[in-house]
Amino acid sequence: MRAFVVEALGSSGSVREIDEPKPEAGELLVRVRAAGVNPFDVAVVNGWVAEFIEHRLPLVPGGELSGEVVEAPGGSGFAAGDLVYGALDRDWQGEGSWAGLVRVAPGQVAA
């Protein structure tokens, strides 16, 4: 899967191939069609907020997304093919929406 990846905080990132995410129990897998870009992403990539929130390298930035559900667990209220938008809410940064696929909790997206 293609993603924008930062290898070290404060360095230039690049688009490259990485492994596809594997959704954990209860998570959706969403094919990203559009991702938000905002000042917080600049702060994450540069490490300006690293003392406040964990950063996992290599880091894929991005918090907002819209796209299509690829996998959905039963009872999530979503099914493969549903169009969704939302924002990731994790206790860490590094597996963001600047990628072809992202795993996300059902409560973080809407139809």
PDB file of N, CA and C in Angstrom:
ATOM      1  N   MET A   1       0.848  -1.156   0.000  1.00  0.00           N
ATOM      2  CA  MET A   1       0.000   0.000   0.000  1.00  0.00           C
ATOM      3  C   MET A   1       0.899   1.227   0.000  1.00  0.00           C
ATOM      4  N   ARG A   2       0.466   2.259  -0.707  1.00  0.00           N
ATOM      5  CA  ARG A   2       1.226   3.514  -0.754  1.00  0.00           C
ATOM      6  C   ARG A   2       0.798   4.406   0.403  1.00  0.00           C
ATOM      7  N   ALA A   3       1.786   5.086   0.979  1.00  0.00           N
ATOM      8  CA  ALA A   3       1.529   6.019   2.069  1.00  0.00           C
ATOM      9  C   ALA A   3       2.630   7.066   2.090  1.00  0.00           C
ATOM     10  N   PHE A   4       2.322   8.208   2.673  1.00  0.00           N
ATOM     11  CA  PHE A   4       3.342   9.219   2.926  1.00  0.00           C
ATOM     12  C   PHE A   4       3.946   8.872   4.278  1.00  0.00           C
ATOM     13  N   VAL A   5       5.254   8.661   4.309  1.00  0.00           N
ATOM     14  CA  VAL A   5       5.918   8.157   5.511  1.00  0.00           C
ATOM     15  C   VAL A   5       7.063   9.082   5.917  1.00  0.00           C
ATOM     16  N   VAL A   6       7.143   9.340   7.216  1.00  0.00           N
ATOM     17  CA  VAL A   6       8.239  10.100   7.795  1.00  0.00           C
ATOM     18  C   VAL A   6       9.063   9.127   8.627  1.00  0.00           C
ATOM     19  N   GLU A   7      10.347   9.014   8.307  1.00  0.00           N
ATOM     20  CA  GLU A   7      11.235   8.074   9.006  1.00  0.00           C
ATOM     21  C   GLU A   7      11.762   8.623  10.321  1.00  0.00           C
ATOM     22  N   ALA A   8      11.970   9.936  10.405  1.00  0.00           N
ATOM     23  CA  ALA A   8      12.490  10.580  11.606  1.00  0.00           C
ATOM     24  C   ALA A   8      11.793  11.926  11.771  1.00  0.00           C
ATOM     25  N   LEU A   9      11.452  12.273  13.007  1.00  0.00           N
ATOM     26  CA  LEU A   9      10.773  13.538  13.250  1.00  0.00           C
ATOM     27  C   LEU A   9      11.630  14.701  12.772  1.00  0.00           C
ATOM     28  N   GLY A  10      10.987  15.627  12.076  1.00  0.00           N
ATOM     29  CA  GLY A  10      11.684  16.784  11.542  1.00  0.00           C
ATOM     30  C   GLY A  10      12.299  16.561  10.175  1.00  0.00           C
ATOM     31  N   SER A  11      12.219  15.331   9.653  1.00  0.00           N
ATOM     32  CA  SER A  11      12.796  15.047   8.337  1.00  0.00           C
ATOM     33  C   SER A  11      11.728  15.123   7.259  1.00  0.00           C
ATOM     34  N   SER A  12      12.178  15.195   6.027  1.00  0.00           N
ATOM     35  CA  SER A  12      11.253  15.173   4.897  1.00  0.00           C
ATOM     36  C   SER A  12      10.699  13.765   4.746  1.00  0.00           C
ATOM     37  N   GLY A  13       9.439  13.668   4.500  1.00  0.00           N
ATOM     38  CA  GLY A  13       8.826  12.367   4.260  1.00  0.00           C
ATOM     39  C   GLY A  13       8.805  12.060   2.780  1.00  0.00           C
ATOM     40  N   SER A  14       8.303  10.879   2.448  1.00  0.00           N
ATOM     41  CA  SER A  14       8.175  10.497   1.050  1.00  0.00           C
ATOM     42  C   SER A  14       7.052   9.487   0.902  1.00  0.00           C
ATOM     43  N   VAL A  15       6.554   9.372  -0.301  1.00  0.00           N
ATOM     44  CA  VAL A  15       5.538   8.372  -0.609  1.00  0.00           C
ATOM     45  C   VAL A  15       6.256   7.069  -0.923  1.00  0.00           C
ATOM     46  N   ARG A  16       5.845   6.000  -0.230  1.00  0.00           N
ATOM     47  CA  ARG A  16       6.461   4.699  -0.478  1.00  0.00           C
ATOM     48  C   ARG A  16       5.486   3.594  -0.135  1.00  0.00           C
ATOM     49  N   GLU A  17       5.875   2.389  -0.440  1.00  0.00           N
ATOM     50  CA  GLU A  17       5.054   1.215  -0.145  1.00  0.00           C
ATOM     51  C   GLU A  17       5.291   0.764   1.293  1.00  0.00           C
ATOM     52  N   ILE A  18       4.195   0.490   2.013  1.00  0.00           N
ATOM     53  CA  ILE A  18       4.274  -0.073   3.358  1.00  0.00           C
ATOM     54  C   ILE A  18       3.255  -1.208   3.458  1.00  0.00           C
ATOM     55  N   ASP A  19       3.331  -1.981   4.527  1.00  0.00           N
ATOM     56  CA  ASP A  19       2.372  -3.058   4.738  1.00  0.00           C
ATOM     57  C   ASP A  19       0.980  -2.496   4.980  1.00  0.00           C
ATOM     58  N   GLU A  20      -0.036  -3.235   4.522  1.00  0.00           N
ATOM     59  CA  GLU A  20      -1.409  -2.829   4.785  1.00  0.00           C
ATOM     60  C   GLU A  20      -1.733  -3.045   6.255  1.00  0.00           C
ATOM     61  N   PRO A  21      -2.525  -2.150   6.844  1.00  0.00           N
ATOM     62  CA  PRO A  21      -2.909  -2.336   8.244  1.00  0.00           C
ATOM     63  C   PRO A  21      -3.871  -3.509   8.385  1.00  0.00           C
ATOM     64  N   LYS A  22      -3.799  -4.183   9.508  1.00  0.00           N
ATOM     65  CA  LYS A  22      -4.706  -5.285   9.826  1.00  0.00           C
ATOM     66  C   LYS A  22      -5.642  -4.801  10.922  1.00  0.00           C
ATOM     67  N   PRO A  23      -6.933  -4.702  10.635  1.00  0.00           N
ATOM     68  CA  PRO A  23      -7.857  -4.211  11.660  1.00  0.00           C
ATOM     69  C   PRO A  23      -7.890  -5.148  12.864  1.00  0.00           C
ATOM     70  N   GLU A  24      -7.942  -4.559  14.044  1.00  0.00           N
ATOM     71  CA  GLU A  24      -8.100  -5.323  15.264  1.00  0.00           C
ATOM     72  C   GLU A  24      -9.585  -5.573  15.479  1.00  0.00           C
ATOM     73  N   ALA A  25      -9.916  -6.404  16.443  1.00  0.00           N
ATOM     74  CA  ALA A  25     -11.320  -6.733  16.719  1.00  0.00           C
ATOM     75  C   ALA A  25     -12.130  -5.454  16.897  1.00  0.00           C
ATOM     76  N   GLY A  26     -13.234  -5.378  16.184  1.00  0.00           N
ATOM     77  CA  GLY A  26     -14.129  -4.234  16.293  1.00  0.00           C
ATOM     78  C   GLY A  26     -13.774  -3.041  15.436  1.00  0.00           C
ATOM     79  N   GLU A  27     -12.691  -3.103  14.685  1.00  0.00           N
ATOM     80  CA  GLU A  27     -12.272  -1.971  13.858  1.00  0.00           C
ATOM     81  C   GLU A  27     -12.718  -2.134  12.404  1.00  0.00           C
ATOM     82  N   LEU A  28     -12.875  -0.990  11.734  1.00  0.00           N
ATOM     83  CA  LEU A  28     -13.134  -0.950  10.303  1.00  0.00           C
ATOM     84  C   LEU A  28     -11.810  -0.805   9.565  1.00  0.00           C
ATOM     85  N   LEU A  29     -11.775  -1.282   8.336  1.00  0.00           N
ATOM     86  CA  LEU A  29     -10.679  -0.986   7.424  1.00  0.00           C
ATOM     87  C   LEU A  29     -11.274  -0.112   6.332  1.00  0.00           C
ATOM     88  N   VAL A  30     -10.707   1.082   6.156  1.00  0.00           N
ATOM     89  CA  VAL A  30     -11.257   2.058   5.211  1.00  0.00           C
ATOM     90  C   VAL A  30     -10.220   2.374   4.143  1.00  0.00           C
ATOM     91  N   ARG A  31     -10.665   2.331   2.870  1.00  0.00           N
ATOM     92  CA  ARG A  31      -9.820   2.783   1.763  1.00  0.00           C
ATOM     93  C   ARG A  31      -9.961   4.301   1.692  1.00  0.00           C
ATOM     94  N   VAL A  32      -8.880   4.995   1.916  1.00  0.00           N
ATOM     95  CA  VAL A  32      -8.898   6.459   1.995  1.00  0.00           C
ATOM     96  C   VAL A  32      -9.029   7.043   0.591  1.00  0.00           C
ATOM     97  N   ARG A  33     -10.021   7.921   0.423  1.00  0.00           N
ATOM     98  CA  ARG A  33     -10.209   8.636  -0.843  1.00  0.00           C
ATOM     99  C   ARG A  33      -9.736  10.074  -0.730  1.00  0.00           C
ATOM    100  N   ALA A  34      -9.810  10.634   0.484  1.00  0.00           N
ATOM    101  CA  ALA A  34      -9.334  11.999   0.737  1.00  0.00           C
ATOM    102  C   ALA A  34      -8.886  12.079   2.190  1.00  0.00           C
ATOM    103  N   ALA A  35      -7.815  12.817   2.428  1.00  0.00           N
ATOM    104  CA  ALA A  35      -7.290  12.990   3.783  1.00  0.00           C
ATOM    105  C   ALA A  35      -7.088  14.471   4.048  1.00  0.00           C
ATOM    106  N   GLY A  36      -7.393  14.874   5.278  1.00  0.00           N
ATOM    107  CA  GLY A  36      -7.203  16.258   5.664  1.00  0.00           C
ATOM    108  C   GLY A  36      -5.729  16.574   5.897  1.00  0.00           C
ATOM    109  N   VAL A  37      -5.384  17.838   5.688  1.00  0.00           N
ATOM    110  CA  VAL A  37      -4.034  18.340   5.964  1.00  0.00           C
ATOM    111  C   VAL A  37      -4.222  19.618   6.764  1.00  0.00           C
ATOM    112  N   ASN A  38      -3.609  19.666   7.959  1.00  0.00           N
ATOM    113  CA  ASN A  38      -3.799  20.842   8.803  1.00  0.00           C
ATOM    114  C   ASN A  38      -2.545  21.138   9.620  1.00  0.00           C
ATOM    115  N   PRO A  39      -2.517  22.258  10.333  1.00  0.00           N
ATOM    116  CA  PRO A  39      -1.320  22.628  11.085  1.00  0.00           C
ATOM    117  C   PRO A  39      -0.882  21.592  12.123  1.00  0.00           C
ATOM    118  N   PHE A  40      -1.804  20.850  12.705  1.00  0.00           N
ATOM    119  CA  PHE A  40      -1.417  19.828  13.678  1.00  0.00           C
ATOM    120  C   PHE A  40      -0.532  18.776  13.029  1.00  0.00           C
ATOM    121  N   ASP A  41      -0.783  18.432  11.766  1.00  0.00           N
ATOM    122  CA  ASP A  41       0.054  17.458  11.060  1.00  0.00           C
ATOM    123  C   ASP A  41       1.492  17.962  10.959  1.00  0.00           C
ATOM    124  N   VAL A  42       1.666  19.258  10.734  1.00  0.00           N
ATOM    125  CA  VAL A  42       3.006  19.855  10.692  1.00  0.00           C
ATOM    126  C   VAL A  42       3.684  19.683  12.051  1.00  0.00           C
ATOM    127  N   ALA A  43       2.932  19.911  13.130  1.00  0.00           N
ATOM    128  CA  ALA A  43       3.482  19.762  14.473  1.00  0.00           C
ATOM    129  C   ALA A  43       3.881  18.320  14.751  1.00  0.00           C
ATOM    130  N   VAL A  44       3.078  17.369  14.304  1.00  0.00           N
ATOM    131  CA  VAL A  44       3.389  15.945  14.502  1.00  0.00           C
ATOM    132  C   VAL A  44       4.654  15.574  13.734  1.00  0.00           C
ATOM    133  N   VAL A  45       4.703  15.901  12.460  1.00  0.00           N
ATOM    134  CA  VAL A  45       5.841  15.531  11.610  1.00  0.00           C
ATOM    135  C   VAL A  45       7.146  16.135  12.125  1.00  0.00           C
ATOM    136  N   ASN A  46       7.077  17.343  12.647  1.00  0.00           N
ATOM    137  CA  ASN A  46       8.278  18.003  13.145  1.00  0.00           C
ATOM    138  C   ASN A  46       8.625  17.632  14.580  1.00  0.00           C
ATOM    139  N   GLY A  47       7.762  16.852  15.234  1.00  0.00           N
ATOM    140  CA  GLY A  47       8.035  16.432  16.602  1.00  0.00           C
ATOM    141  C   GLY A  47       7.725  17.482  17.645  1.00  0.00           C
ATOM    142  N   TRP A  48       7.006  18.536  17.279  1.00  0.00           N
ATOM    143  CA  TRP A  48       6.726  19.625  18.206  1.00  0.00           C
ATOM    144  C   TRP A  48       5.777  19.209  19.325  1.00  0.00           C
ATOM    145  N   VAL A  49       5.017  18.141  19.140  1.00  0.00           N
ATOM    146  CA  VAL A  49       4.083  17.677  20.171  1.00  0.00           C
ATOM    147  C   VAL A  49       4.496  16.307  20.716  1.00  0.00           C
ATOM    148  N   ALA A  50       5.703  15.874  20.423  1.00  0.00           N
ATOM    149  CA  ALA A  50       6.165  14.538  20.828  1.00  0.00           C
ATOM    150  C   ALA A  50       6.231  14.368  22.340  1.00  0.00           C
ATOM    151  N   GLU A  51       6.404  15.439  23.086  1.00  0.00           N
ATOM    152  CA  GLU A  51       6.447  15.307  24.543  1.00  0.00           C
ATOM    153  C   GLU A  51       5.046  15.157  25.140  1.00  0.00           C
ATOM    154  N   PHE A  52       4.009  15.411  24.336  1.00  0.00           N
ATOM    155  CA  PHE A  52       2.636  15.332  24.815  1.00  0.00           C
ATOM    156  C   PHE A  52       1.896  14.085  24.336  1.00  0.00           C
ATOM    157  N   ILE A  53       2.343  13.507  23.219  1.00  0.00           N
ATOM    158  CA  ILE A  53       1.679  12.346  22.650  1.00  0.00           C
ATOM    159  C   ILE A  53       2.730  11.442  22.008  1.00  0.00           C
ATOM    160  N   GLU A  54       2.570  10.146  22.194  1.00  0.00           N
ATOM    161  CA  GLU A  54       3.529   9.185  21.651  1.00  0.00           C
ATOM    162  C   GLU A  54       3.546   9.251  20.123  1.00  0.00           C
ATOM    163  N   HIS A  55       4.743   9.164  19.565  1.00  0.00           N
ATOM    164  CA  HIS A  55       4.937   9.109  18.113  1.00  0.00           C
ATOM    165  C   HIS A  55       5.588   7.768  17.787  1.00  0.00           C
ATOM    166  N   ARG A  56       5.000   7.028  16.864  1.00  0.00           N
ATOM    167  CA  ARG A  56       5.547   5.739  16.456  1.00  0.00           C
ATOM    168  C   ARG A  56       6.124   5.859  15.051  1.00  0.00           C
ATOM    169  N   LEU A  57       7.417   5.579  14.951  1.00  0.00           N
ATOM    170  CA  LEU A  57       8.120   5.673  13.671  1.00  0.00           C
ATOM    171  C   LEU A  57       8.276   4.298  13.048  1.00  0.00           C
ATOM    172  N   PRO A  58       8.302   4.180  11.733  1.00  0.00           N
ATOM    173  CA  PRO A  58       8.021   5.244  10.766  1.00  0.00           C
ATOM    174  C   PRO A  58       6.588   5.740  10.930  1.00  0.00           C
ATOM    175  N   LEU A  59       6.402   7.020  10.702  1.00  0.00           N
ATOM    176  CA  LEU A  59       5.149   7.689  11.010  1.00  0.00           C
ATOM    177  C   LEU A  59       4.395   8.058   9.737  1.00  0.00           C
ATOM    178  N   VAL A  60       3.117   7.684   9.680  1.00  0.00           N
ATOM    179  CA  VAL A  60       2.202   8.127   8.630  1.00  0.00           C
ATOM    180  C   VAL A  60       1.320   9.191   9.273  1.00  0.00           C
ATOM    181  N   PRO A  61       1.421  10.454   8.844  1.00  0.00           N
ATOM    182  CA  PRO A  61       0.607  11.515   9.438  1.00  0.00           C
ATOM    183  C   PRO A  61      -0.847  11.467   8.966  1.00  0.00           C
ATOM    184  N   GLY A  62      -1.624  12.361   9.509  1.00  0.00           N
ATOM    185  CA  GLY A  62      -3.001  12.554   9.062  1.00  0.00           C
ATOM    186  C   GLY A  62      -4.017  12.068  10.065  1.00  0.00           C
ATOM    187  N   GLY A  63      -5.050  12.892  10.273  1.00  0.00           N
ATOM    188  CA  GLY A  63      -6.089  12.538  11.226  1.00  0.00           C
ATOM    189  C   GLY A  63      -7.487  12.506  10.643  1.00  0.00           C
ATOM    190  N   GLU A  64      -7.734  13.258   9.590  1.00  0.00           N
ATOM    191  CA  GLU A  64      -9.074  13.300   8.999  1.00  0.00           C
ATOM    192  C   GLU A  64      -9.092  12.506   7.696  1.00  0.00           C
ATOM    193  N   LEU A  65     -10.249  11.913   7.410  1.00  0.00           N
ATOM    194  CA  LEU A  65     -10.341  11.107   6.201  1.00  0.00           C
ATOM    195  C   LEU A  65     -11.776  10.985   5.709  1.00  0.00           C
ATOM    196  N   SER A  66     -11.885  10.635   4.455  1.00  0.00           N
ATOM    197  CA  SER A  66     -13.138  10.140   3.895  1.00  0.00           C
ATOM    198  C   SER A  66     -12.761   8.988   2.981  1.00  0.00           C
ATOM    199  N   GLY A  67     -13.663   8.043   2.858  1.00  0.00           N
ATOM    200  CA  GLY A  67     -13.351   6.889   2.028  1.00  0.00           C
ATOM    201  C   GLY A  67     -14.432   5.841   2.054  1.00  0.00           C
ATOM    202  N   GLU A  68     -14.040   4.635   1.689  1.00  0.00           N
ATOM    203  CA  GLU A  68     -14.970   3.518   1.539  1.00  0.00           C
ATOM    204  C   GLU A  68     -14.557   2.377   2.465  1.00  0.00           C
ATOM    205  N   VAL A  69     -15.536   1.860   3.201  1.00  0.00           N
ATOM    206  CA  VAL A  69     -15.279   0.732   4.094  1.00  0.00           C
ATOM    207  C   VAL A  69     -14.927  -0.492   3.257  1.00  0.00           C
ATOM    208  N   VAL A  70     -13.811  -1.134   3.603  1.00  0.00           N
ATOM    209  CA  VAL A  70     -13.359  -2.355   2.928  1.00  0.00           C
ATOM    210  C   VAL A  70     -13.734  -3.573   3.764  1.00  0.00           C
ATOM    211  N   GLU A  71     -13.532  -3.471   5.085  1.00  0.00           N
ATOM    212  CA  GLU A  71     -13.886  -4.537   6.027  1.00  0.00           C
ATOM    213  C   GLU A  71     -14.618  -3.918   7.197  1.00  0.00           C
ATOM    214  N   ALA A  72     -15.678  -4.607   7.659  1.00  0.00           N
ATOM    215  CA  ALA A  72     -16.434  -4.130   8.810  1.00  0.00           C
ATOM    216  C   ALA A  72     -16.870  -5.318   9.656  1.00  0.00           C
ATOM    217  N   PRO A  73     -16.669  -5.238  10.968  1.00  0.00           N
ATOM    218  CA  PRO A  73     -17.118  -6.327  11.828  1.00  0.00           C
ATOM    219  C   PRO A  73     -18.633  -6.288  11.989  1.00  0.00           C
ATOM    220  N   GLY A  74     -19.220  -7.437  12.235  1.00  0.00           N
ATOM    221  CA  GLY A  74     -20.648  -7.496  12.491  1.00  0.00           C
ATOM    222  C   GLY A  74     -21.008  -6.644  13.697  1.00  0.00           C
ATOM    223  N   GLY A  75     -22.153  -5.998  13.622  1.00  0.00           N
ATOM    224  CA  GLY A  75     -22.611  -5.171  14.725  1.00  0.00           C
ATOM    225  C   GLY A  75     -22.004  -3.781  14.770  1.00  0.00           C
ATOM    226  N   SER A  76     -21.145  -3.450  13.802  1.00  0.00           N
ATOM    227  CA  SER A  76     -20.508  -2.133  13.800  1.00  0.00           C
ATOM    228  C   SER A  76     -21.419  -1.056  13.228  1.00  0.00           C
ATOM    229  N   GLY A  77     -22.465  -1.466  12.528  1.00  0.00           N
ATOM    230  CA  GLY A  77     -23.332  -0.503  11.870  1.00  0.00           C
ATOM    231  C   GLY A  77     -22.862  -0.128  10.481  1.00  0.00           C
ATOM    232  N   PHE A  78     -21.753  -0.721  10.053  1.00  0.00           N
ATOM    233  CA  PHE A  78     -21.193  -0.449   8.730  1.00  0.00           C
ATOM    234  C   PHE A  78     -21.015  -1.761   7.975  1.00  0.00           C
ATOM    235  N   ALA A  79     -20.952  -1.631   6.651  1.00  0.00           N
ATOM    236  CA  ALA A  79     -20.715  -2.785   5.790  1.00  0.00           C
ATOM    237  C   ALA A  79     -19.725  -2.385   4.699  1.00  0.00           C
ATOM    238  N   ALA A  80     -19.066  -3.363   4.131  1.00  0.00           N
ATOM    239  CA  ALA A  80     -18.152  -3.094   3.020  1.00  0.00           C
ATOM    240  C   ALA A  80     -18.900  -2.318   1.943  1.00  0.00           C
ATOM    241  N   GLY A  81     -18.265  -1.282   1.424  1.00  0.00           N
ATOM    242  CA  GLY A  81     -18.862  -0.447   0.393  1.00  0.00           C
ATOM    243  C   GLY A  81     -19.465   0.850   0.923  1.00  0.00           C
ATOM    244  N   ASP A  82     -19.697   0.930   2.240  1.00  0.00           N
ATOM    245  CA  ASP A  82     -20.240   2.167   2.803  1.00  0.00           C
ATOM    246  C   ASP A  82     -19.229   3.300   2.656  1.00  0.00           C
ATOM    247  N   LEU A  83     -19.719   4.485   2.339  1.00  0.00           N
ATOM    248  CA  LEU A  83     -18.883   5.674   2.268  1.00  0.00           C
ATOM    249  C   LEU A  83     -18.918   6.359   3.625  1.00  0.00           C
ATOM    250  N   VAL A  84     -17.741   6.724   4.135  1.00  0.00           N
ATOM    251  CA  VAL A  84     -17.642   7.306   5.470  1.00  0.00           C
ATOM    252  C   VAL A  84     -16.693   8.502   5.482  1.00  0.00           C
ATOM    253  N   TYR A  85     -16.810   9.298   6.530  1.00  0.00           N
ATOM    254  CA  TYR A  85     -15.851  10.369   6.795  1.00  0.00           C
ATOM    255  C   TYR A  85     -15.665  10.439   8.308  1.00  0.00           C
ATOM    256  N   GLY A  86     -14.549  10.981   8.732  1.00  0.00           N
ATOM    257  CA  GLY A  86     -14.346  11.097  10.169  1.00  0.00           C
ATOM    258  C   GLY A  86     -12.932  11.512  10.515  1.00  0.00           C
ATOM    259  N   ALA A  87     -12.618  11.327  11.793  1.00  0.00           N
ATOM    260  CA  ALA A  87     -11.305  11.700  12.311  1.00  0.00           C
ATOM    261  C   ALA A  87     -10.795  10.605  13.228  1.00  0.00           C
ATOM    262  N   LEU A  88      -9.514  10.301  13.097  1.00  0.00           N
ATOM    263  CA  LEU A  88      -8.886   9.298  13.944  1.00  0.00           C
ATOM    264  C   LEU A  88      -8.687   9.874  15.342  1.00  0.00           C
ATOM    265  N   ASP A  89      -8.902   9.064  16.348  1.00  0.00           N
ATOM    266  CA  ASP A  89      -8.701   9.484  17.736  1.00  0.00           C
ATOM    267  C   ASP A  89      -7.934   8.381  18.441  1.00  0.00           C
ATOM    268  N   ARG A  90      -6.614   8.522  18.447  1.00  0.00           N
ATOM    269  CA  ARG A  90      -5.744   7.533  19.079  1.00  0.00           C
ATOM    270  C   ARG A  90      -4.907   8.202  20.155  1.00  0.00           C
ATOM    271  N   ASP A  91      -4.358   7.388  21.038  1.00  0.00           N
ATOM    272  CA  ASP A  91      -3.476   7.894  22.083  1.00  0.00           C
ATOM    273  C   ASP A  91      -2.056   8.085  21.580  1.00  0.00           C
ATOM    274  N   TRP A  92      -1.831   7.884  20.289  1.00  0.00           N
ATOM    275  CA  TRP A  92      -0.499   7.977  19.700  1.00  0.00           C
ATOM    276  C   TRP A  92      -0.630   8.422  18.251  1.00  0.00           C
ATOM    277  N   GLN A  93       0.472   8.868  17.694  1.00  0.00           N
ATOM    278  CA  GLN A  93       0.543   9.281  16.289  1.00  0.00           C
ATOM    279  C   GLN A  93       1.430   8.311  15.530  1.00  0.00           C
ATOM    280  N   GLY A  94       1.075   8.034  14.276  1.00  0.00           N
ATOM    281  CA  GLY A  94       1.951   7.201  13.464  1.00  0.00           C
ATOM    282  C   GLY A  94       1.249   6.363  12.426  1.00  0.00           C
ATOM    283  N   GLU A  95      -0.020   6.094  12.612  1.00  0.00           N
ATOM    284  CA  GLU A  95      -0.770   5.299  11.641  1.00  0.00           C
ATOM    285  C   GLU A  95      -1.946   6.146  11.159  1.00  0.00           C
ATOM    286  N   GLY A  96      -1.607   7.213  10.434  1.00  0.00           N
ATOM    287  CA  GLY A  96      -2.590   8.208  10.043  1.00  0.00           C
ATOM    288  C   GLY A  96      -3.256   7.953   8.707  1.00  0.00           C
ATOM    289  N   SER A  97      -3.957   8.974   8.264  1.00  0.00           N
ATOM    290  CA  SER A  97      -4.812   8.867   7.079  1.00  0.00           C
ATOM    291  C   SER A  97      -4.116   9.197   5.767  1.00  0.00           C
ATOM    292  N   TRP A  98      -2.829   9.519   5.790  1.00  0.00           N
ATOM    293  CA  TRP A  98      -2.120   9.800   4.541  1.00  0.00           C
ATOM    294  C   TRP A  98      -1.637   8.492   3.946  1.00  0.00           C
ATOM    295  N   ALA A  99      -2.553   7.572   3.771  1.00  0.00           N
ATOM    296  CA  ALA A  99      -2.245   6.221   3.296  1.00  0.00           C
ATOM    297  C   ALA A  99      -3.423   5.689   2.488  1.00  0.00           C
ATOM    298  N   GLY A 100      -3.179   4.627   1.776  1.00  0.00           N
ATOM    299  CA  GLY A 100      -4.231   4.018   0.971  1.00  0.00           C
ATOM    300  C   GLY A 100      -5.317   3.371   1.797  1.00  0.00           C
ATOM    301  N   LEU A 101      -4.946   2.805   2.942  1.00  0.00           N
ATOM    302  CA  LEU A 101      -5.891   2.154   3.848  1.00  0.00           C
ATOM    303  C   LEU A 101      -5.593   2.584   5.271  1.00  0.00           C
ATOM    304  N   VAL A 102      -6.629   2.649   6.082  1.00  0.00           N
ATOM    305  CA  VAL A 102      -6.467   2.976   7.498  1.00  0.00           C
ATOM    306  C   VAL A 102      -7.471   2.165   8.305  1.00  0.00           C
ATOM    307  N   ARG A 103      -7.060   1.763   9.502  1.00  0.00           N
ATOM    308  CA  ARG A 103      -7.995   1.089  10.395  1.00  0.00           C
ATOM    309  C   ARG A 103      -8.532   2.131  11.351  1.00  0.00           C
ATOM    310  N   VAL A 104      -9.821   2.019  11.675  1.00  0.00           N
ATOM    311  CA  VAL A 104     -10.471   3.048  12.480  1.00  0.00           C
ATOM    312  C   VAL A 104     -11.612   2.421  13.277  1.00  0.00           C
ATOM    313  N   ALA A 105     -11.839   2.948  14.469  1.00  0.00           N
ATOM    314  CA  ALA A 105     -12.968   2.498  15.281  1.00  0.00           C
ATOM    315  C   ALA A 105     -14.262   3.005  14.647  1.00  0.00           C
ATOM    316  N   PRO A 106     -15.333   2.202  14.665  1.00  0.00           N
ATOM    317  CA  PRO A 106     -16.592   2.630  14.035  1.00  0.00           C
ATOM    318  C   PRO A 106     -17.127   3.950  14.585  1.00  0.00           C
ATOM    319  N   GLY A 107     -16.887   4.256  15.852  1.00  0.00           N
ATOM    320  CA  GLY A 107     -17.386   5.498  16.435  1.00  0.00           C
ATOM    321  C   GLY A 107     -16.646   6.745  15.985  1.00  0.00           C
ATOM    322  N   GLN A 108     -15.575   6.574  15.210  1.00  0.00           N
ATOM    323  CA  GLN A 108     -14.791   7.716  14.744  1.00  0.00           C
ATOM    324  C   GLN A 108     -15.153   8.133  13.322  1.00  0.00           C
ATOM    325  N   VAL A 109     -16.105   7.439  12.713  1.00  0.00           N
ATOM    326  CA  VAL A 109     -16.552   7.789  11.361  1.00  0.00           C
ATOM    327  C   VAL A 109     -18.075   7.819  11.312  1.00  0.00           C
ATOM    328  N   ALA A 110     -18.587   8.487  10.300  1.00  0.00           N
ATOM    329  CA  ALA A 110     -20.025   8.559  10.062  1.00  0.00           C
ATOM    330  C   ALA A 110     -20.276   8.314   8.583  1.00  0.00           C
ATOM    331  N   ALA A 111     -21.496   7.862   8.278  1.00  0.00           N
ATOM    332  CA  ALA A 111     -21.878   7.607   6.885  1.00  0.00           C
ATOM    333  C   ALA A 111     -22.051   8.912   6.130  1.00  0.00           C
TER     334      ALA A 111
END
